[in-house]
PDB file of all heavy atoms in Angstrom:
ATOM      1  N   PRO A   1       0.829  -1.210   0.000  1.00  0.00           N
ATOM      2  CA  PRO A   1       0.000   0.000   0.000  1.00  0.00           C
ATOM      3  C   PRO A   1       0.864   1.261   0.000  1.00  0.00           C
ATOM      4  O   PRO A   1       2.078   1.218   0.218  1.00  0.00           O
ATOM      5  CB  PRO A   1      -0.803  -0.127   1.297  1.00  0.00           C
ATOM      6  CG  PRO A   1       0.026  -0.998   2.174  1.00  0.00           C
ATOM      7  CD  PRO A   1       0.752  -1.948   1.271  1.00  0.00           C
ATOM      8  N   VAL A   2       0.199   2.381  -0.225  1.00  0.00           N
ATOM      9  CA  VAL A   2       0.897   3.660  -0.375  1.00  0.00           C
ATOM     10  C   VAL A   2       1.791   3.961   0.826  1.00  0.00           C
ATOM     11  O   VAL A   2       2.948   4.369   0.660  1.00  0.00           O
ATOM     12  CB  VAL A   2      -0.136   4.800  -0.570  1.00  0.00           C
ATOM     13  CG1 VAL A   2       0.544   6.164  -0.476  1.00  0.00           C
ATOM     14  CG2 VAL A   2      -0.845   4.648  -1.905  1.00  0.00           C
ATOM     15  N   HIS A   3       1.286   3.764   2.052  1.00  0.00           N
ATOM     16  CA  HIS A   3       2.060   4.187   3.222  1.00  0.00           C
ATOM     17  C   HIS A   3       3.338   3.368   3.385  1.00  0.00           C
ATOM     18  O   HIS A   3       4.354   3.889   3.838  1.00  0.00           O
ATOM     19  CB  HIS A   3       1.200   4.135   4.492  1.00  0.00           C
ATOM     20  CG  HIS A   3       0.886   2.768   4.979  1.00  0.00           C
ATOM     21  ND1 HIS A   3      -0.137   2.001   4.447  1.00  0.00           N
ATOM     22  CD2 HIS A   3       1.449   2.002   5.957  1.00  0.00           C
ATOM     23  CE1 HIS A   3      -0.192   0.846   5.080  1.00  0.00           C
ATOM     24  NE2 HIS A   3       0.757   0.809   6.000  1.00  0.00           N
ATOM     25  N   LEU A   4       3.308   2.101   2.998  1.00  0.00           N
ATOM     26  CA  LEU A   4       4.530   1.302   3.090  1.00  0.00           C
ATOM     27  C   LEU A   4       5.549   1.738   2.038  1.00  0.00           C
ATOM     28  O   LEU A   4       6.755   1.749   2.297  1.00  0.00           O
ATOM     29  CB  LEU A   4       4.206  -0.186   2.927  1.00  0.00           C
ATOM     30  CG  LEU A   4       3.460  -0.844   4.086  1.00  0.00           C
ATOM     31  CD1 LEU A   4       3.275  -2.338   3.828  1.00  0.00           C
ATOM     32  CD2 LEU A   4       4.202  -0.625   5.413  1.00  0.00           C
ATOM     33  N   ARG A   5       5.078   2.109   0.862  1.00  0.00           N
ATOM     34  CA  ARG A   5       6.006   2.620  -0.162  1.00  0.00           C
ATOM     35  C   ARG A   5       6.629   3.934   0.297  1.00  0.00           C
ATOM     36  O   ARG A   5       7.820   4.174   0.052  1.00  0.00           O
ATOM     37  CB  ARG A   5       5.272   2.803  -1.493  1.00  0.00           C
ATOM     38  CG  ARG A   5       4.717   1.498  -2.033  1.00  0.00           C
ATOM     39  CD  ARG A   5       4.067   1.657  -3.395  1.00  0.00           C
ATOM     40  NE  ARG A   5       3.224   0.491  -3.667  1.00  0.00           N
ATOM     41  CZ  ARG A   5       3.046  -0.044  -4.855  1.00  0.00           C
ATOM     42  NH1 ARG A   5       3.646   0.460  -5.920  1.00  0.00           N
ATOM     43  NH2 ARG A   5       2.259  -1.099  -5.008  1.00  0.00           N
ATOM     44  N   ALA A   6       5.834   4.767   0.960  1.00  0.00           N
ATOM     45  CA  ALA A   6       6.377   6.023   1.473  1.00  0.00           C
ATOM     46  C   ALA A   6       7.463   5.764   2.507  1.00  0.00           C
ATOM     47  O   ALA A   6       8.507   6.435   2.519  1.00  0.00           O
ATOM     48  CB  ALA A   6       5.253   6.868   2.070  1.00  0.00           C
ATOM     49  N   LEU A   7       7.248   4.789   3.380  1.00  0.00           N
ATOM     50  CA  LEU A   7       8.257   4.458   4.384  1.00  0.00           C
ATOM     51  C   LEU A   7       9.532   3.925   3.740  1.00  0.00           C
ATOM     52  O   LEU A   7      10.628   4.096   4.283  1.00  0.00           O
ATOM     53  CB  LEU A   7       7.694   3.430   5.373  1.00  0.00           C
ATOM     54  CG  LEU A   7       6.620   3.936   6.332  1.00  0.00           C
ATOM     55  CD1 LEU A   7       6.035   2.778   7.135  1.00  0.00           C
ATOM     56  CD2 LEU A   7       7.177   5.010   7.264  1.00  0.00           C
ATOM     57  N   ARG A   8       9.402   3.292   2.580  1.00  0.00           N
ATOM     58  CA  ARG A   8      10.587   2.795   1.861  1.00  0.00           C
ATOM     59  C   ARG A   8      11.329   3.919   1.142  1.00  0.00           C
ATOM     60  O   ARG A   8      12.455   3.724   0.695  1.00  0.00           O
ATOM     61  CB  ARG A   8      10.178   1.735   0.833  1.00  0.00           C
ATOM     62  CG  ARG A   8       9.755   0.405   1.437  1.00  0.00           C
ATOM     63  CD  ARG A   8       9.505  -0.615   0.320  1.00  0.00           C
ATOM     64  NE  ARG A   8       9.084  -1.912   0.837  1.00  0.00           N
ATOM     65  CZ  ARG A   8       9.913  -2.864   1.228  1.00  0.00           C
ATOM     66  NH1 ARG A   8      11.228  -2.648   1.167  1.00  0.00           N
ATOM     67  NH2 ARG A   8       9.452  -4.016   1.665  1.00  0.00           N
ATOM     68  N   GLY A   9      10.686   5.081   1.009  1.00  0.00           N
ATOM     69  CA  GLY A   9      11.359   6.206   0.379  1.00  0.00           C
ATOM     70  C   GLY A   9      10.810   6.620  -0.963  1.00  0.00           C
ATOM     71  O   GLY A   9      11.480   7.316  -1.730  1.00  0.00           O
ATOM     72  N   LEU A  10       9.569   6.239  -1.258  1.00  0.00           N
ATOM     73  CA  LEU A  10       8.946   6.606  -2.527  1.00  0.00           C
ATOM     74  C   LEU A  10       7.858   7.639  -2.233  1.00  0.00           C
ATOM     75  O   LEU A  10       6.883   7.343  -1.559  1.00  0.00           O
ATOM     76  CB  LEU A  10       8.357   5.365  -3.202  1.00  0.00           C
ATOM     77  CG  LEU A  10       8.024   5.465  -4.688  1.00  0.00           C
ATOM     78  CD1 LEU A  10       8.022   4.075  -5.322  1.00  0.00           C
ATOM     79  CD2 LEU A  10       6.675   6.129  -4.917  1.00  0.00           C
ATOM     80  N   ALA A  11       8.055   8.865  -2.725  1.00  0.00           N
ATOM     81  CA  ALA A  11       7.126   9.958  -2.436  1.00  0.00           C
ATOM     82  C   ALA A  11       6.520  10.470  -3.726  1.00  0.00           C
ATOM     83  O   ALA A  11       7.166  10.486  -4.776  1.00  0.00           O
ATOM     84  CB  ALA A  11       7.844  11.100  -1.715  1.00  0.00           C
ATOM     85  N   ARG A  12       5.275  10.918  -3.621  1.00  0.00           N
ATOM     86  CA  ARG A  12       4.594  11.488  -4.771  1.00  0.00           C
ATOM     87  C   ARG A  12       4.166  12.902  -4.443  1.00  0.00           C
ATOM     88  O   ARG A  12       3.574  13.154  -3.400  1.00  0.00           O
ATOM     89  CB  ARG A  12       3.365  10.659  -5.135  1.00  0.00           C
ATOM     90  CG  ARG A  12       2.615  11.208  -6.343  1.00  0.00           C
ATOM     91  CD  ARG A  12       1.463  10.302  -6.690  1.00  0.00           C
ATOM     92  NE  ARG A  12       0.817  10.721  -7.916  1.00  0.00           N
ATOM     93  CZ  ARG A  12      -0.114  10.015  -8.540  1.00  0.00           C
ATOM     94  NH1 ARG A  12      -0.485   8.847  -8.048  1.00  0.00           N
ATOM     95  NH2 ARG A  12      -0.676  10.456  -9.641  1.00  0.00           N
ATOM     96  N   SER A  13       4.461  13.817  -5.335  1.00  0.00           N
ATOM     97  CA  SER A  13       4.079  15.193  -5.119  1.00  0.00           C
ATOM     98  C   SER A  13       2.886  15.551  -5.987  1.00  0.00           C
ATOM     99  O   SER A  13       2.648  14.941  -7.031  1.00  0.00           O
ATOM    100  CB  SER A  13       5.246  16.125  -5.446  1.00  0.00           C
ATOM    101  OG  SER A  13       4.964  17.437  -5.051  1.00  0.00           O
ATOM    102  N   PHE A  14       2.144  16.546  -5.540  1.00  0.00           N
ATOM    103  CA  PHE A  14       1.022  17.183  -6.228  1.00  0.00           C
ATOM    104  C   PHE A  14      -0.285  16.425  -6.065  1.00  0.00           C
ATOM    105  O   PHE A  14      -1.328  16.960  -6.361  1.00  0.00           O
ATOM    106  CB  PHE A  14       1.286  17.409  -7.725  1.00  0.00           C
ATOM    107  CG  PHE A  14       2.589  18.079  -7.996  1.00  0.00           C
ATOM    108  CD1 PHE A  14       3.389  17.689  -9.049  1.00  0.00           C
ATOM    109  CD2 PHE A  14       3.033  19.096  -7.166  1.00  0.00           C
ATOM    110  CE1 PHE A  14       4.606  18.309  -9.292  1.00  0.00           C
ATOM    111  CE2 PHE A  14       4.240  19.712  -7.404  1.00  0.00           C
ATOM    112  CZ  PHE A  14       5.033  19.314  -8.457  1.00  0.00           C
ATOM    113  N   GLN A  15      -0.246  15.173  -5.610  1.00  0.00           N
ATOM    114  CA  GLN A  15      -1.499  14.480  -5.353  1.00  0.00           C
ATOM    115  C   GLN A  15      -1.499  13.895  -3.937  1.00  0.00           C
ATOM    116  O   GLN A  15      -2.392  14.173  -3.160  1.00  0.00           O
ATOM    117  CB  GLN A  15      -1.751  13.403  -6.408  1.00  0.00           C
ATOM    118  CG  GLN A  15      -2.018  14.031  -7.770  1.00  0.00           C
ATOM    119  CD  GLN A  15      -2.433  13.012  -8.804  1.00  0.00           C
ATOM    120  OE1 GLN A  15      -2.914  11.944  -8.487  1.00  0.00           O
ATOM    121  NE2 GLN A  15      -2.244  13.354 -10.063  1.00  0.00           N
ATOM    122  N   ILE A  16      -0.463  13.123  -3.585  1.00  0.00           N
ATOM    123  CA  ILE A  16      -0.438  12.604  -2.212  1.00  0.00           C
ATOM    124  C   ILE A  16      -0.141  13.728  -1.214  1.00  0.00           C
ATOM    125  O   ILE A  16      -0.610  13.708  -0.088  1.00  0.00           O
ATOM    126  CB  ILE A  16       0.584  11.461  -2.049  1.00  0.00           C
ATOM    127  CG1 ILE A  16       0.425  10.804  -0.679  1.00  0.00           C
ATOM    128  CG2 ILE A  16       1.993  11.920  -2.283  1.00  0.00           C
ATOM    129  CD1 ILE A  16       1.287   9.582  -0.503  1.00  0.00           C
ATOM    130  N   SER A  17       0.650  14.713  -1.636  1.00  0.00           N
ATOM    131  CA  SER A  17       1.047  15.780  -0.720  1.00  0.00           C
ATOM    132  C   SER A  17      -0.048  16.835  -0.677  1.00  0.00           C
ATOM    133  O   SER A  17       0.002  17.832  -1.366  1.00  0.00           O
ATOM    134  CB  SER A  17       2.368  16.401  -1.175  1.00  0.00           C
ATOM    135  OG  SER A  17       3.367  15.430  -1.229  1.00  0.00           O
ATOM    136  N   GLN A  18      -1.054  16.607   0.131  1.00  0.00           N
ATOM    137  CA  GLN A  18      -2.183  17.517   0.212  1.00  0.00           C
ATOM    138  C   GLN A  18      -1.842  18.674   1.145  1.00  0.00           C
ATOM    139  O   GLN A  18      -1.596  18.486   2.325  1.00  0.00           O
ATOM    140  CB  GLN A  18      -3.416  16.770   0.715  1.00  0.00           C
ATOM    141  CG  GLN A  18      -3.899  15.675  -0.221  1.00  0.00           C
ATOM    142  CD  GLN A  18      -4.378  16.215  -1.557  1.00  0.00           C
ATOM    143  OE1 GLN A  18      -4.958  17.281  -1.620  1.00  0.00           O
ATOM    144  NE2 GLN A  18      -4.121  15.481  -2.615  1.00  0.00           N
ATOM    145  N   VAL A  19      -1.864  19.877   0.593  1.00  0.00           N
ATOM    146  CA  VAL A  19      -1.606  21.068   1.393  1.00  0.00           C
ATOM    147  C   VAL A  19      -2.825  21.384   2.246  1.00  0.00           C
ATOM    148  O   VAL A  19      -3.963  21.271   1.788  1.00  0.00           O
ATOM    149  CB  VAL A  19      -1.273  22.253   0.465  1.00  0.00           C
ATOM    150  CG1 VAL A  19      -1.262  23.567   1.229  1.00  0.00           C
ATOM    151  CG2 VAL A  19       0.060  22.031  -0.231  1.00  0.00           C
ATOM    152  N   VAL A  20      -2.585  21.768   3.502  1.00  0.00           N
ATOM    153  CA  VAL A  20      -3.666  22.208   4.390  1.00  0.00           C
ATOM    154  C   VAL A  20      -3.765  23.733   4.259  1.00  0.00           C
ATOM    155  O   VAL A  20      -2.875  24.451   4.732  1.00  0.00           O
ATOM    156  CB  VAL A  20      -3.395  21.810   5.852  1.00  0.00           C
ATOM    157  CG1 VAL A  20      -4.560  22.227   6.744  1.00  0.00           C
ATOM    158  CG2 VAL A  20      -3.148  20.309   5.959  1.00  0.00           C
ATOM    159  N   PRO A  21      -4.809  24.259   3.621  1.00  0.00           N
ATOM    160  CA  PRO A  21      -4.846  25.693   3.279  1.00  0.00           C
ATOM    161  C   PRO A  21      -4.760  26.619   4.485  1.00  0.00           C
ATOM    162  O   PRO A  21      -4.168  27.695   4.386  1.00  0.00           O
ATOM    163  CB  PRO A  21      -6.192  25.851   2.558  1.00  0.00           C
ATOM    164  CG  PRO A  21      -6.565  24.487   2.093  1.00  0.00           C
ATOM    165  CD  PRO A  21      -5.995  23.543   3.102  1.00  0.00           C
ATOM    166  N   ASP A  22      -5.342  26.213   5.613  1.00  0.00           N
ATOM    167  CA  ASP A  22      -5.379  27.096   6.775  1.00  0.00           C
ATOM    168  C   ASP A  22      -4.091  27.070   7.590  1.00  0.00           C
ATOM    169  O   ASP A  22      -3.914  27.898   8.486  1.00  0.00           O
ATOM    170  CB  ASP A  22      -6.556  26.727   7.691  1.00  0.00           C
ATOM    171  CG  ASP A  22      -7.900  27.022   7.039  1.00  0.00           C
ATOM    172  OD1 ASP A  22      -7.937  27.871   6.124  1.00  0.00           O
ATOM    173  OD2 ASP A  22      -8.898  26.403   7.425  1.00  0.00           O
ATOM    174  N   PHE A  23      -3.203  26.143   7.294  1.00  0.00           N
ATOM    175  CA  PHE A  23      -1.918  26.071   7.982  1.00  0.00           C
ATOM    176  C   PHE A  23      -0.898  26.948   7.251  1.00  0.00           C
ATOM    177  O   PHE A  23      -1.014  27.208   6.055  1.00  0.00           O
ATOM    178  CB  PHE A  23      -1.393  24.638   8.022  1.00  0.00           C
ATOM    179  CG  PHE A  23      -2.029  23.770   9.076  1.00  0.00           C
ATOM    180  CD1 PHE A  23      -3.186  24.143   9.733  1.00  0.00           C
ATOM    181  CD2 PHE A  23      -1.454  22.542   9.400  1.00  0.00           C
ATOM    182  CE1 PHE A  23      -3.761  23.342  10.697  1.00  0.00           C
ATOM    183  CE2 PHE A  23      -2.024  21.727  10.366  1.00  0.00           C
ATOM    184  CZ  PHE A  23      -3.175  22.122  11.018  1.00  0.00           C
ATOM    185  N   THR A  24       0.121  27.373   7.981  1.00  0.00           N
ATOM    186  CA  THR A  24       1.209  28.096   7.340  1.00  0.00           C
ATOM    187  C   THR A  24       2.064  27.130   6.523  1.00  0.00           C
ATOM    188  O   THR A  24       1.954  25.905   6.642  1.00  0.00           O
ATOM    189  CB  THR A  24       2.104  28.785   8.376  1.00  0.00           C
ATOM    190  OG1 THR A  24       2.778  27.777   9.148  1.00  0.00           O
ATOM    191  CG2 THR A  24       1.305  29.715   9.281  1.00  0.00           C
ATOM    192  N   VAL A  25       2.918  27.718   5.710  1.00  0.00           N
ATOM    193  CA  VAL A  25       3.884  26.929   4.948  1.00  0.00           C
ATOM    194  C   VAL A  25       4.702  26.049   5.889  1.00  0.00           C
ATOM    195  O   VAL A  25       4.878  24.842   5.666  1.00  0.00           O
ATOM    196  CB  VAL A  25       4.795  27.872   4.132  1.00  0.00           C
ATOM    197  CG1 VAL A  25       6.013  27.143   3.594  1.00  0.00           C
ATOM    198  CG2 VAL A  25       4.000  28.523   2.990  1.00  0.00           C
ATOM    199  N   GLN A  26       5.215  26.652   6.957  1.00  0.00           N
ATOM    200  CA  GLN A  26       6.025  25.922   7.931  1.00  0.00           C
ATOM    201  C   GLN A  26       5.257  24.763   8.554  1.00  0.00           C
ATOM    202  O   GLN A  26       5.776  23.654   8.701  1.00  0.00           O
ATOM    203  CB  GLN A  26       6.487  26.892   9.007  1.00  0.00           C
ATOM    204  CG  GLN A  26       7.365  26.300  10.088  1.00  0.00           C
ATOM    205  CD  GLN A  26       7.690  27.341  11.142  1.00  0.00           C
ATOM    206  OE1 GLN A  26       6.785  27.967  11.700  1.00  0.00           O
ATOM    207  NE2 GLN A  26       8.976  27.561  11.395  1.00  0.00           N
TER     208      GLN A  26
END
């Protein structure tokens, strides 16, 4: 599954990395 691939070091940007609009960049 996705979370195990992430733990192995495989990351996806623009879809898995959901930005939280109300949070700051930091």
